[in-house]
Amino acid sequence: MKLGVNIDHVATLRNARGGVEPNVLEAAKICIANGADSITTHLREDRRHIKDEDVERIRKELDTKLNLEMAMTDEMQKIALTLKPDAVCIVPEKRQELTTEGGLDISGQLERGIKFIRPLVDAGIEVSLFIDPDMSQVSAAYKTGAQFIELHTGTYSNTYGTDREVRAFRDLCKSTEFAHNLGLKVNAGHGLNYENVIRMNEIDGLYELNIGHSIISRAIFVGLPQAVREMKEIIE
């Protein structure tokens, strides 16, 4: 499995005081130097952490895969078609949420999704849909023409170590198998940490895990290079 490191919360810390520290581009470089296979950033509509100039600099100055998380809006589509990241992951977004609370309901807006995704694919951008491990959502994602899905692991992460973990993990396994049968590649992420991530190795064919908060949190105590290396070792 590959490791994508989400560096949004480096920007969160920077924005808490203003200025340029900690430097988002430098954080991305450190992650890549220590085993990350890609960098993920979520350019939210309210720009609460990552800013436009952050993704522009990463795209321009860092020779690595950039995965841009974004809402399904005209503004974000225009930015993606201009910036041309290697990949985009379309996520639901609410102004009042602290973090993404669940998967995108693509089955409920299939026609809109098809029209939104087609120009991105035509531009050579890999498109992923961040969805819950639900068969109807996987099926709808396939119909949009996206090449990837990213399974929302929040329920699994929140139930890890409880009697509800079994069902949540089973849903991830079944959705992954179903997606592969349709020809979709499968990523996963949300709430994964140094303990619960280990079970992702039990799911056949996961392509990449996108992990941010736990790595940045760990970096406070051991430094970013070690935090990335530790996570990379676990998922390998």
Protein backbone atom coordinates (compact mmCIF):
# COMPACT_ATOMS: atom_id res chain seq x y z
CA MET A 1 0.00 0.00 0.00
CA LYS A 2 1.04 3.54 -0.67
CA LEU A 3 0.94 6.34 1.90
CA GLY A 4 -0.50 9.74 1.15
CA VAL A 5 0.15 12.29 3.89
CA ASN A 6 -2.42 15.02 4.41
CA ILE A 7 -0.65 18.19 5.56
CA ASP A 8 -3.72 20.35 6.18
CA HIS A 9 -3.04 20.67 9.88
CA VAL A 10 0.42 22.08 9.30
CA ALA A 11 -1.50 24.95 7.72
CA THR A 12 -3.94 24.96 10.65
CA LEU A 13 -1.05 25.62 13.03
CA ARG A 14 0.38 28.31 10.75
CA ASN A 15 -2.95 30.08 10.45
CA ALA A 16 -3.48 30.08 14.21
CA ARG A 17 -0.93 32.87 14.48
CA GLY A 18 -0.47 34.05 10.91
CA GLY A 19 2.81 34.39 9.10
CA VAL A 20 4.60 31.54 7.37
CA GLU A 21 5.56 29.10 10.13
CA PRO A 22 5.34 26.17 10.01
CA ASN A 23 6.02 26.17 6.27
CA VAL A 24 3.58 23.94 4.40
CA LEU A 25 5.89 23.34 1.44
CA GLU A 26 8.76 22.32 3.73
CA ALA A 27 6.44 19.92 5.54
CA ALA A 28 5.51 18.34 2.22
CA LYS A 29 9.19 17.93 1.31
CA ILE A 30 9.94 16.27 4.66
CA CYS A 31 7.04 13.84 4.21
CA ILE A 32 8.23 12.78 0.76
CA ALA A 33 11.84 12.46 1.91
CA ASN A 34 10.74 10.06 4.65
CA GLY A 35 8.59 7.66 2.69
CA ALA A 36 5.31 9.35 1.76
CA ASP A 37 4.21 8.47 -1.76
CA SER A 38 2.01 11.50 -2.24
CA ILE A 39 0.85 14.71 -0.59
CA THR A 40 -2.81 15.40 0.07
CA THR A 41 -4.28 18.83 0.72
CA HIS A 42 -7.91 19.84 1.15
CA LEU A 43 -8.60 23.25 -0.34
CA ARG A 44 -11.82 24.02 1.48
CA GLU A 45 -14.26 26.63 0.26
CA ASP A 46 -13.69 28.67 3.45
CA ARG A 47 -9.87 28.25 3.17
CA ARG A 48 -9.69 27.49 6.89
CA HIS A 49 -6.31 25.81 6.58
CA ILE A 50 -4.76 25.18 3.14
CA LYS A 51 -4.69 28.28 0.94
CA ASP A 52 -4.58 28.56 -2.85
CA GLU A 53 -0.93 29.60 -2.75
CA ASP A 54 -0.05 26.47 -0.75
CA VAL A 55 -1.26 24.06 -3.41
CA GLU A 56 0.20 26.23 -6.16
CA ARG A 57 3.66 26.12 -4.56
CA ILE A 58 3.51 22.40 -3.90
CA ARG A 59 2.49 21.76 -7.49
CA LYS A 60 5.20 24.02 -8.87
CA GLU A 61 8.12 23.26 -6.57
CA LEU A 62 7.72 19.65 -5.44
CA ASP A 63 8.19 16.77 -7.84
CA THR A 64 5.71 14.36 -6.31
CA LYS A 65 2.10 13.27 -6.65
CA LEU A 66 -0.34 15.93 -5.45
CA ASN A 67 -3.82 14.81 -4.43
CA LEU A 68 -6.24 17.72 -4.10
CA GLU A 69 -9.31 17.14 -1.95
CA MET A 70 -12.15 19.44 -2.93
CA ALA A 71 -15.90 19.96 -2.92
CA MET A 72 -17.98 19.40 -6.03
CA THR A 73 -18.35 23.08 -6.94
CA ASP A 74 -17.72 25.12 -10.07
CA GLU A 75 -14.99 27.09 -8.31
CA MET A 76 -13.07 23.97 -7.33
CA GLN A 77 -13.45 22.39 -10.75
CA LYS A 78 -11.95 25.51 -12.33
CA ILE A 79 -9.05 25.48 -9.87
CA ALA A 80 -8.34 21.81 -10.56
CA LEU A 81 -8.42 22.28 -14.33
CA THR A 82 -6.00 25.19 -14.00
CA LEU A 83 -3.68 23.64 -11.41
CA LYS A 84 -3.76 20.15 -12.94
CA PRO A 85 -2.95 18.12 -9.79
CA ASP A 86 -2.16 14.47 -10.37
CA ALA A 87 -5.35 13.49 -8.59
CA VAL A 88 -8.44 15.01 -7.05
CA CYS A 89 -10.65 13.50 -4.38
CA ILE A 90 -14.17 14.89 -4.33
CA VAL A 91 -15.49 15.21 -0.80
CA PRO A 92 -18.63 16.53 0.89
CA GLU A 93 -18.17 19.81 2.67
CA LYS A 94 -20.10 21.73 5.32
CA ARG A 95 -19.00 25.10 6.66
CA GLN A 96 -19.85 24.23 10.28
CA GLU A 97 -18.05 20.86 10.45
CA LEU A 98 -14.70 20.43 12.18
CA THR A 99 -13.64 17.79 9.68
CA THR A 100 -15.32 15.77 6.94
CA GLU A 101 -18.08 13.92 8.74
CA GLY A 102 -19.05 11.28 6.21
CA GLY A 103 -18.87 10.17 2.64
CA LEU A 104 -20.17 11.95 -0.43
CA ASP A 105 -23.71 10.98 -1.46
CA ILE A 106 -22.89 10.45 -5.11
CA SER A 107 -25.85 8.14 -5.71
CA GLY A 108 -28.16 11.05 -4.87
CA GLN A 109 -26.52 13.38 -7.39
CA LEU A 110 -25.31 11.03 -10.08
CA GLU A 111 -25.99 13.20 -13.13
CA ARG A 112 -24.27 16.17 -11.55
CA GLY A 113 -21.34 13.97 -10.66
CA ILE A 114 -20.96 12.69 -14.22
CA LYS A 115 -20.92 16.22 -15.64
CA PHE A 116 -18.49 17.42 -12.99
CA ILE A 117 -16.02 14.58 -13.35
CA ARG A 118 -15.85 14.23 -17.12
CA PRO A 119 -13.75 17.41 -17.75
CA LEU A 120 -11.32 16.39 -15.00
CA VAL A 121 -10.78 12.94 -16.46
CA ASP A 122 -10.44 14.42 -19.95
CA ALA A 123 -7.71 16.71 -18.57
CA GLY A 124 -5.70 13.66 -17.45
CA ILE A 125 -6.49 14.00 -13.75
CA GLU A 126 -7.18 10.91 -11.64
CA VAL A 127 -10.53 11.32 -9.93
CA SER A 128 -11.55 9.70 -6.68
CA LEU A 129 -14.82 9.94 -4.79
CA PHE A 130 -14.75 9.94 -1.00
CA ILE A 131 -17.66 7.67 -0.09
CA ASP A 132 -18.95 5.55 2.74
CA PRO A 133 -18.47 1.77 2.40
CA ASP A 134 -21.90 1.27 0.90
CA MET A 135 -22.63 -0.78 -2.22
CA SER A 136 -25.02 1.77 -3.73
CA GLN A 137 -22.42 4.51 -3.39
CA VAL A 138 -19.70 2.32 -4.91
CA SER A 139 -21.97 1.49 -7.84
CA ALA A 140 -22.82 5.16 -8.41
CA ALA A 141 -19.15 6.12 -8.21
CA TYR A 142 -18.39 3.66 -10.97
CA LYS A 143 -21.08 5.18 -13.17
CA THR A 144 -19.53 8.65 -12.92
CA GLY A 145 -16.39 7.61 -14.79
CA ALA A 146 -14.09 8.17 -11.81
CA GLN A 147 -11.10 5.82 -11.68
CA PHE A 148 -10.86 5.62 -7.88
CA ILE A 149 -12.95 5.64 -4.76
CA GLU A 150 -11.66 6.50 -1.30
CA LEU A 151 -13.53 4.65 1.41
CA HIS A 152 -14.40 6.68 4.47
CA THR A 153 -12.90 4.77 7.40
CA GLY A 154 -14.43 6.96 10.10
CA THR A 155 -16.91 4.39 11.38
CA TYR A 156 -14.23 1.72 11.55
CA SER A 157 -11.81 4.10 13.30
CA ASN A 158 -14.42 5.22 15.82
CA THR A 159 -15.49 1.66 16.66
CA TYR A 160 -12.00 0.15 16.75
CA GLY A 161 -11.60 -1.99 19.85
CA THR A 162 -15.36 -2.27 20.42
CA ASP A 163 -17.90 -4.93 19.49
CA ARG A 164 -19.00 -2.76 16.54
CA GLU A 165 -15.61 -2.92 14.89
CA VAL A 166 -16.32 -6.27 13.18
CA ARG A 167 -19.25 -4.95 11.17
CA ALA A 168 -17.49 -1.72 10.23
CA PHE A 169 -14.43 -3.60 9.04
CA ARG A 170 -16.55 -6.09 7.12
CA ASP A 171 -18.25 -3.22 5.29
CA LEU A 172 -14.85 -1.92 4.19
CA CYS A 173 -13.81 -5.35 2.93
CA LYS A 174 -17.04 -5.95 1.01
CA SER A 175 -17.02 -2.50 -0.58
CA THR A 176 -13.41 -2.89 -1.64
CA GLU A 177 -14.08 -6.25 -3.27
CA PHE A 178 -17.18 -4.90 -5.03
CA ALA A 179 -15.26 -1.87 -6.32
CA HIS A 180 -12.46 -4.05 -7.65
CA ASN A 181 -14.99 -6.21 -9.49
CA LEU A 182 -16.23 -3.05 -11.20
CA GLY A 183 -12.70 -2.06 -12.16
CA LEU A 184 -12.28 0.74 -9.62
CA LYS A 185 -9.09 1.30 -7.63
CA VAL A 186 -9.60 1.80 -3.91
CA ASN A 187 -8.00 4.18 -1.44
CA ALA A 188 -9.06 4.65 2.17
CA GLY A 189 -8.77 7.20 4.93
CA HIS A 190 -10.25 9.20 7.80
CA GLY A 191 -9.50 8.71 11.47
CA LEU A 192 -6.74 6.18 10.86
CA ASN A 193 -3.97 6.22 13.45
CA TYR A 194 -0.94 4.20 14.52
CA GLU A 195 -3.10 1.56 16.22
CA ASN A 196 -6.16 1.02 14.03
CA VAL A 197 -4.34 1.36 10.69
CA ILE A 198 -2.84 -2.11 11.07
CA ARG A 199 -6.05 -3.83 9.94
CA MET A 200 -5.95 -2.05 6.59
CA ASN A 201 -3.33 -4.64 5.65
CA GLU A 202 -6.06 -7.28 5.88
CA ILE A 203 -8.06 -5.69 3.05
CA ASP A 204 -6.94 -7.08 -0.29
CA GLY A 205 -5.94 -4.58 -2.92
CA LEU A 206 -6.11 -1.24 -1.13
CA TYR A 207 -4.04 1.13 -3.23
CA GLU A 208 -3.32 4.05 -0.90
CA LEU A 209 -4.12 5.28 2.58
CA ASN A 210 -4.49 9.02 3.08
CA ILE A 211 -3.63 9.96 6.65
CA GLY A 212 -3.10 13.39 8.16
CA HIS A 213 -4.18 14.27 11.68
CA SER A 214 -2.55 11.35 13.48
CA ILE A 215 0.76 11.86 11.68
CA ILE A 216 0.89 15.59 12.40
CA SER A 217 -0.13 14.92 16.01
CA ARG A 218 2.62 12.32 16.39
CA ALA A 219 5.11 14.75 14.88
CA ILE A 220 4.70 17.08 17.87
CA PHE A 221 6.42 14.47 20.04
CA VAL A 222 8.84 12.69 17.72
CA GLY A 223 9.28 15.03 14.76
CA LEU A 224 7.72 14.85 11.32
CA PRO A 225 10.37 12.63 9.70
CA GLN A 226 9.99 9.90 12.31
CA ALA A 227 6.19 10.20 12.37
CA VAL A 228 6.01 9.58 8.63
CA ARG A 229 8.54 6.73 8.73
CA GLU A 230 6.67 5.00 11.55
CA MET A 231 3.36 5.11 9.67
CA LYS A 232 4.99 3.92 6.45
CA GLU A 233 6.52 0.95 8.25
CA ILE A 234 3.17 -0.06 9.75
CA ILE A 235 1.25 -0.03 6.48
CA GLU A 236 4.00 -1.90 4.66
